[in-house]
PDB file of N, CA and C in Angstrom:
ATOM      1  N   UNK A   1      84.703  40.614  47.498  1.00  0.00           N
ATOM      2  CA  UNK A   1      85.568  41.527  46.788  1.00  0.00           C
ATOM      3  C   UNK A   1      84.952  41.992  45.475  1.00  0.00           C
ATOM      4  N   UNK A   2      83.909  41.353  45.027  1.00  0.00           N
ATOM      5  CA  UNK A   2      83.301  41.771  43.768  1.00  0.00           C
ATOM      6  C   UNK A   2      82.719  43.171  43.852  1.00  0.00           C
ATOM      7  N   UNK A   3      82.474  43.661  45.056  1.00  0.00           N
ATOM      8  CA  UNK A   3      81.948  45.013  45.213  1.00  0.00           C
ATOM      9  C   UNK A   3      83.065  46.055  45.185  1.00  0.00           C
ATOM     10  N   UNK A   4      84.304  45.606  45.052  1.00  0.00           N
ATOM     11  CA  UNK A   4      85.482  46.476  44.974  1.00  0.00           C
ATOM     12  C   UNK A   4      85.706  47.280  46.242  1.00  0.00           C
ATOM     13  N   UNK A   5      85.234  46.787  47.344  1.00  0.00           N
ATOM     14  CA  UNK A   5      85.427  47.460  48.622  1.00  0.00           C
ATOM     15  C   UNK A   5      86.485  46.723  49.425  1.00  0.00           C
ATOM     16  N   UNK A   6      87.211  47.478  50.207  1.00  0.00           N
ATOM     17  CA  UNK A   6      88.204  46.865  51.078  1.00  0.00           C
ATOM     18  C   UNK A   6      87.544  46.466  52.400  1.00  0.00           C
ATOM     19  N   UNK A   7      88.263  45.678  53.171  1.00  0.00           N
ATOM     20  CA  UNK A   7      87.787  45.256  54.485  1.00  0.00           C
ATOM     21  C   UNK A   7      88.914  45.462  55.476  1.00  0.00           C
ATOM     22  N   UNK A   8      88.606  46.079  56.574  1.00  0.00           N
ATOM     23  CA  UNK A   8      89.556  46.229  57.670  1.00  0.00           C
ATOM     24  C   UNK A   8      88.848  45.820  58.952  1.00  0.00           C
ATOM     25  N   UNK A   9      89.442  44.894  59.668  1.00  0.00           N
ATOM     26  CA  UNK A   9      88.841  44.422  60.915  1.00  0.00           C
ATOM     27  C   UNK A   9      88.847  45.540  61.954  1.00  0.00           C
ATOM     28  N   UNK A  10      87.771  45.628  62.689  1.00  0.00           N
ATOM     29  CA  UNK A  10      87.674  46.564  63.804  1.00  0.00           C
ATOM     30  C   UNK A  10      87.457  45.753  65.076  1.00  0.00           C
ATOM     31  N   UNK A  11      87.401  46.427  66.180  1.00  0.00           N
ATOM     32  CA  UNK A  11      87.183  45.730  67.450  1.00  0.00           C
ATOM     33  C   UNK A  11      85.871  44.945  67.413  1.00  0.00           C
ATOM     34  N   UNK A  12      84.869  45.475  66.734  1.00  0.00           N
ATOM     35  CA  UNK A  12      83.559  44.816  66.667  1.00  0.00           C
ATOM     36  C   UNK A  12      83.520  43.679  65.644  1.00  0.00           C
ATOM     37  N   UNK A  13      84.393  43.727  64.626  1.00  0.00           N
ATOM     38  CA  UNK A  13      84.328  42.735  63.549  1.00  0.00           C
ATOM     39  C   UNK A  13      85.505  41.768  63.536  1.00  0.00           C
ATOM     40  N   UNK A  14      86.316  41.752  64.571  1.00  0.00           N
ATOM     41  CA  UNK A  14      87.476  40.857  64.614  1.00  0.00           C
ATOM     42  C   UNK A  14      87.007  39.416  64.461  1.00  0.00           C
ATOM     43  N   UNK A  15      87.578  38.719  63.497  1.00  0.00           N
ATOM     44  CA  UNK A  15      87.262  37.315  63.300  1.00  0.00           C
ATOM     45  C   UNK A  15      86.062  37.042  62.427  1.00  0.00           C
ATOM     46  N   UNK A  16      85.540  38.045  61.747  1.00  0.00           N
ATOM     47  CA  UNK A  16      84.358  37.845  60.903  1.00  0.00           C
ATOM     48  C   UNK A  16      84.654  37.069  59.622  1.00  0.00           C
ATOM     49  N   UNK A  17      85.814  37.276  59.029  1.00  0.00           N
ATOM     50  CA  UNK A  17      86.099  36.683  57.719  1.00  0.00           C
ATOM     51  C   UNK A  17      87.245  35.687  57.824  1.00  0.00           C
ATOM     52  N   UNK A  18      86.991  34.472  57.358  1.00  0.00           N
ATOM     53  CA  UNK A  18      88.023  33.441  57.273  1.00  0.00           C
ATOM     54  C   UNK A  18      88.327  33.258  55.784  1.00  0.00           C
ATOM     55  N   UNK A  19      89.404  33.886  55.275  1.00  0.00           N
ATOM     56  CA  UNK A  19      89.650  33.902  53.833  1.00  0.00           C
ATOM     57  C   UNK A  19      90.163  32.593  53.241  1.00  0.00           C
ATOM     58  N   UNK A  20      90.755  31.732  54.063  1.00  0.00           N
ATOM     59  CA  UNK A  20      91.328  30.494  53.550  1.00  0.00           C
ATOM     60  C   UNK A  20      90.727  29.319  54.313  1.00  0.00           C
ATOM     61  N   UNK A  21      90.101  28.428  53.583  1.00  0.00           N
ATOM     62  CA  UNK A  21      89.495  27.262  54.215  1.00  0.00           C
ATOM     63  C   UNK A  21      90.581  26.370  54.803  1.00  0.00           C
ATOM     64  N   UNK A  22      90.386  25.944  56.022  1.00  0.00           N
ATOM     65  CA  UNK A  22      91.345  25.069  56.675  1.00  0.00           C
ATOM     66  C   UNK A  22      92.418  25.802  57.459  1.00  0.00           C
ATOM     67  N   UNK A  23      92.441  27.124  57.382  1.00  0.00           N
ATOM     68  CA  UNK A  23      93.402  27.929  58.137  1.00  0.00           C
ATOM     69  C   UNK A  23      92.630  28.662  59.225  1.00  0.00           C
ATOM     70  N   UNK A  24      93.092  28.557  60.441  1.00  0.00           N
ATOM     71  CA  UNK A  24      92.357  29.114  61.575  1.00  0.00           C
ATOM     72  C   UNK A  24      92.461  30.635  61.691  1.00  0.00           C
ATOM     73  N   UNK A  25      93.447  31.249  61.066  1.00  0.00           N
ATOM     74  CA  UNK A  25      93.622  32.699  61.179  1.00  0.00           C
ATOM     75  C   UNK A  25      92.550  33.434  60.382  1.00  0.00           C
ATOM     76  N   UNK A  26      92.099  34.537  60.929  1.00  0.00           N
ATOM     77  CA  UNK A  26      91.070  35.365  60.289  1.00  0.00           C
ATOM     78  C   UNK A  26      91.719  36.537  59.558  1.00  0.00           C
ATOM     79  N   UNK A  27      90.949  37.191  58.697  1.00  0.00           N
ATOM     80  CA  UNK A  27      91.458  38.320  57.922  1.00  0.00           C
ATOM     81  C   UNK A  27      91.513  39.577  58.775  1.00  0.00           C
ATOM     82  N   UNK A  28      92.626  40.293  58.673  1.00  0.00           N
ATOM     83  CA  UNK A  28      92.758  41.586  59.334  1.00  0.00           C
ATOM     84  C   UNK A  28      92.475  42.698  58.328  1.00  0.00           C
ATOM     85  N   UNK A  29      93.031  42.555  57.122  1.00  0.00           N
ATOM     86  CA  UNK A  29      92.863  43.557  56.064  1.00  0.00           C
ATOM     87  C   UNK A  29      92.731  42.837  54.732  1.00  0.00           C
ATOM     88  N   UNK A  30      91.796  43.285  53.905  1.00  0.00           N
ATOM     89  CA  UNK A  30      91.649  42.760  52.548  1.00  0.00           C
ATOM     90  C   UNK A  30      91.483  43.944  51.600  1.00  0.00           C
ATOM     91  N   UNK A  31      92.311  43.989  50.565  1.00  0.00           N
ATOM     92  CA  UNK A  31      92.190  45.013  49.522  1.00  0.00           C
ATOM     93  C   UNK A  31      92.141  44.319  48.170  1.00  0.00           C
ATOM     94  N   UNK A  32      91.200  44.697  47.312  1.00  0.00           N
ATOM     95  CA  UNK A  32      91.136  44.079  45.983  1.00  0.00           C
ATOM     96  C   UNK A  32      92.265  44.584  45.088  1.00  0.00           C
ATOM     97  N   UNK A  33      92.755  43.704  44.224  1.00  0.00           N
ATOM     98  CA  UNK A  33      93.732  44.082  43.203  1.00  0.00           C
ATOM     99  C   UNK A  33      92.935  44.349  41.936  1.00  0.00           C
ATOM    100  N   UNK A  34      92.980  45.588  41.469  1.00  0.00           N
ATOM    101  CA  UNK A  34      92.207  45.980  40.289  1.00  0.00           C
ATOM    102  C   UNK A  34      93.170  46.311  39.157  1.00  0.00           C
ATOM    103  N   UNK A  35      93.034  45.582  38.047  1.00  0.00           N
ATOM    104  CA  UNK A  35      93.867  45.805  36.865  1.00  0.00           C
ATOM    105  C   UNK A  35      92.946  45.963  35.663  1.00  0.00           C
ATOM    106  N   UNK A  36      93.112  47.041  34.937  1.00  0.00           N
ATOM    107  CA  UNK A  36      92.310  47.328  33.745  1.00  0.00           C
ATOM    108  C   UNK A  36      90.813  47.318  34.064  1.00  0.00           C
ATOM    109  N   UNK A  37      90.458  47.781  35.248  1.00  0.00           N
ATOM    110  CA  UNK A  37      89.061  47.873  35.630  1.00  0.00           C
ATOM    111  C   UNK A  37      88.438  46.586  36.133  1.00  0.00           C
ATOM    112  N   UNK A  38      89.204  45.510  36.144  1.00  0.00           N
ATOM    113  CA  UNK A  38      88.691  44.215  36.600  1.00  0.00           C
ATOM    114  C   UNK A  38      89.384  43.800  37.892  1.00  0.00           C
ATOM    115  N   UNK A  39      88.663  43.095  38.730  1.00  0.00           N
ATOM    116  CA  UNK A  39      89.262  42.559  39.949  1.00  0.00           C
ATOM    117  C   UNK A  39      90.023  41.294  39.574  1.00  0.00           C
ATOM    118  N   UNK A  40      91.315  41.286  39.878  1.00  0.00           N
ATOM    119  CA  UNK A  40      92.147  40.141  39.510  1.00  0.00           C
ATOM    120  C   UNK A  40      92.621  39.349  40.721  1.00  0.00           C
ATOM    121  N   UNK A  41      92.306  39.807  41.897  1.00  0.00           N
ATOM    122  CA  UNK A  41      92.722  39.116  43.110  1.00  0.00           C
ATOM    123  C   UNK A  41      92.569  40.030  44.302  1.00  0.00           C
ATOM    124  N   UNK A  42      93.252  39.679  45.386  1.00  0.00           N
ATOM    125  CA  UNK A  42      93.176  40.490  46.596  1.00  0.00           C
ATOM    126  C   UNK A  42      94.447  40.321  47.412  1.00  0.00           C
ATOM    127  N   UNK A  43      94.801  41.371  48.116  1.00  0.00           N
ATOM    128  CA  UNK A  43      95.878  41.310  49.101  1.00  0.00           C
ATOM    129  C   UNK A  43      95.202  41.082  50.446  1.00  0.00           C
ATOM    130  N   UNK A  44      95.599  40.020  51.128  1.00  0.00           N
ATOM    131  CA  UNK A  44      94.981  39.667  52.406  1.00  0.00           C
ATOM    132  C   UNK A  44      96.065  39.594  53.472  1.00  0.00           C
ATOM    133  N   UNK A  45      95.847  40.307  54.555  1.00  0.00           N
ATOM    134  CA  UNK A  45      96.731  40.207  55.718  1.00  0.00           C
ATOM    135  C   UNK A  45      95.954  39.466  56.799  1.00  0.00           C
ATOM    136  N   UNK A  46      96.547  38.398  57.300  1.00  0.00           N
ATOM    137  CA  UNK A  46      95.885  37.597  58.327  1.00  0.00           C
ATOM    138  C   UNK A  46      96.260  38.085  59.718  1.00  0.00           C
ATOM    139  N   UNK A  47      95.383  37.825  60.663  1.00  0.00           N
ATOM    140  CA  UNK A  47      95.644  38.182  62.058  1.00  0.00           C
ATOM    141  C   UNK A  47      96.591  37.170  62.676  1.00  0.00           C
ATOM    142  N   UNK A  48      97.343  37.627  63.645  1.00  0.00           N
ATOM    143  CA  UNK A  48      98.223  36.738  64.381  1.00  0.00           C
ATOM    144  C   UNK A  48      97.463  36.019  65.484  1.00  0.00           C
ATOM    145  N   UNK A  49      98.196  35.408  66.356  1.00  0.00           N
ATOM    146  CA  UNK A  49      97.594  34.666  67.463  1.00  0.00           C
ATOM    147  C   UNK A  49      96.848  35.576  68.433  1.00  0.00           C
ATOM    148  N   UNK A  50      97.269  36.836  68.537  1.00  0.00           N
ATOM    149  CA  UNK A  50      96.686  37.750  69.518  1.00  0.00           C
ATOM    150  C   UNK A  50      95.405  38.434  69.040  1.00  0.00           C
ATOM    151  N   UNK A  51      95.050  38.288  67.762  1.00  0.00           N
ATOM    152  CA  UNK A  51      93.833  38.879  67.187  1.00  0.00           C
ATOM    153  C   UNK A  51      93.725  40.383  67.417  1.00  0.00           C
ATOM    154  N   UNK A  52      94.836  41.090  67.238  1.00  0.00           N
ATOM    155  CA  UNK A  52      94.819  42.544  67.379  1.00  0.00           C
ATOM    156  C   UNK A  52      94.224  43.190  66.135  1.00  0.00           C
ATOM    157  N   UNK A  53      93.576  44.315  66.332  1.00  0.00           N
ATOM    158  CA  UNK A  53      93.051  45.106  65.223  1.00  0.00           C
ATOM    159  C   UNK A  53      94.255  45.667  64.453  1.00  0.00           C
ATOM    160  N   UNK A  54      94.217  45.642  63.108  1.00  0.00           N
ATOM    161  CA  UNK A  54      95.367  46.130  62.338  1.00  0.00           C
ATOM    162  C   UNK A  54      95.610  47.625  62.546  1.00  0.00           C
ATOM    163  N   UNK A  55      96.882  47.988  62.511  1.00  0.00           N
ATOM    164  CA  UNK A  55      97.254  49.394  62.654  1.00  0.00           C
ATOM    165  C   UNK A  55      97.067  50.113  61.324  1.00  0.00           C
ATOM    166  N   UNK A  56      97.113  51.425  61.370  1.00  0.00           N
ATOM    167  CA  UNK A  56      96.993  52.230  60.150  1.00  0.00           C
ATOM    168  C   UNK A  56      98.125  51.905  59.172  1.00  0.00           C
ATOM    169  N   UNK A  57      99.302  51.609  59.692  1.00  0.00           N
ATOM    170  CA  UNK A  57     100.442  51.247  58.848  1.00  0.00           C
ATOM    171  C   UNK A  57     100.170  49.948  58.092  1.00  0.00           C
ATOM    172  N   UNK A  58      99.602  48.973  58.757  1.00  0.00           N
ATOM    173  CA  UNK A  58      99.286  47.701  58.105  1.00  0.00           C
ATOM    174  C   UNK A  58      98.217  47.873  57.028  1.00  0.00           C
ATOM    175  N   UNK A  59      97.244  48.725  57.299  1.00  0.00           N
ATOM    176  CA  UNK A  59      96.192  48.996  56.314  1.00  0.00           C
ATOM    177  C   UNK A  59      96.789  49.673  55.086  1.00  0.00           C
ATOM    178  N   UNK A  60      97.644  50.668  55.299  1.00  0.00           N
ATOM    179  CA  UNK A  60      98.289  51.375  54.181  1.00  0.00           C
ATOM    180  C   UNK A  60      99.194  50.435  53.389  1.00  0.00           C
ATOM    181  N   UNK A  61      99.868  49.522  54.070  1.00  0.00           N
ATOM    182  CA  UNK A  61     100.740  48.561  53.400  1.00  0.00           C
ATOM    183  C   UNK A  61      99.941  47.663  52.462  1.00  0.00           C
ATOM    184  N   UNK A  62      98.812  47.160  52.922  1.00  0.00           N
ATOM    185  CA  UNK A  62      97.966  46.312  52.077  1.00  0.00           C
ATOM    186  C   UNK A  62      97.423  47.103  50.893  1.00  0.00           C
ATOM    187  N   UNK A  63      97.024  48.345  51.135  1.00  0.00           N
ATOM    188  CA  UNK A  63      96.515  49.200  50.057  1.00  0.00           C
ATOM    189  C   UNK A  63      97.601  49.456  49.009  1.00  0.00           C
ATOM    190  N   UNK A  64      98.803  49.769  49.462  1.00  0.00           N
ATOM    191  CA  UNK A  64      99.916  50.025  48.541  1.00  0.00           C
ATOM    192  C   UNK A  64     100.273  48.776  47.747  1.00  0.00           C
ATOM    193  N   UNK A  65     100.269  47.632  48.403  1.00  0.00           N
ATOM    194  CA  UNK A  65     100.583  46.375  47.715  1.00  0.00           C
ATOM    195  C   UNK A  65      99.545  46.071  46.638  1.00  0.00           C
ATOM    196  N   UNK A  66      98.276  46.277  46.940  1.00  0.00           N
ATOM    197  CA  UNK A  66      97.217  46.023  45.959  1.00  0.00           C
ATOM    198  C   UNK A  66      97.331  46.975  44.774  1.00  0.00           C
ATOM    199  N   UNK A  67      97.618  48.240  45.041  1.00  0.00           N
ATOM    200  CA  UNK A  67      97.769  49.216  43.959  1.00  0.00           C
ATOM    201  C   UNK A  67      98.977  48.870  43.086  1.00  0.00           C
ATOM    202  N   UNK A  68     100.086  48.503  43.708  1.00  0.00           N
ATOM    203  CA  UNK A  68     101.291  48.138  42.966  1.00  0.00           C
ATOM    204  C   UNK A  68     101.045  46.915  42.087  1.00  0.00           C
ATOM    205  N   UNK A  69     100.457  45.885  42.651  1.00  0.00           N
ATOM    206  CA  UNK A  69     100.197  44.668  41.881  1.00  0.00           C
ATOM    207  C   UNK A  69      99.219  44.925  40.737  1.00  0.00           C
ATOM    208  N   UNK A  70      98.230  45.763  40.967  1.00  0.00           N
ATOM    209  CA  UNK A  70      97.285  46.105  39.908  1.00  0.00           C
ATOM    210  C   UNK A  70      97.968  46.792  38.742  1.00  0.00           C
ATOM    211  N   UNK A  71      98.876  47.713  39.037  1.00  0.00           N
ATOM    212  CA  UNK A  71      99.604  48.410  37.971  1.00  0.00           C
ATOM    213  C   UNK A  71     100.543  47.468  37.236  1.00  0.00           C
ATOM    214  N   UNK A  72     101.169  46.560  37.955  1.00  0.00           N
ATOM    215  CA  UNK A  72     102.077  45.604  37.319  1.00  0.00           C
ATOM    216  C   UNK A  72     101.324  44.649  36.394  1.00  0.00           C
ATOM    217  N   UNK A  73     100.125  44.285  36.759  1.00  0.00           N
ATOM    218  CA  UNK A  73      99.336  43.361  35.935  1.00  0.00           C
ATOM    219  C   UNK A  73      98.797  44.031  34.676  1.00  0.00           C
ATOM    220  N   UNK A  74      98.692  45.350  34.695  1.00  0.00           N
ATOM    221  CA  UNK A  74      98.205  46.065  33.517  1.00  0.00           C
ATOM    222  C   UNK A  74      99.250  46.125  32.418  1.00  0.00           C
ATOM    223  N   UNK A  75     100.508  45.995  32.769  1.00  0.00           N
ATOM    224  CA  UNK A  75     101.580  46.109  31.769  1.00  0.00           C
ATOM    225  C   UNK A  75     101.801  44.827  31.015  1.00  0.00           C
TER     226      UNK A  75
END
């Protein structure tokens, strides 16, 4: 996340990133939370048991959540 880029799993990359040690679920979507120009965290959506590629709605939801949290942290 230090590169400030988001990650969205595709059919080719399903299961590439395990964001939490000890948890078997892989990352479906990751968006950095940026406040005052600094990365302060990330919004991570994990895959379910079926390992489906995230929908456009899920990607937009993670993006909106990261933007909202970033603005809230700036205040």
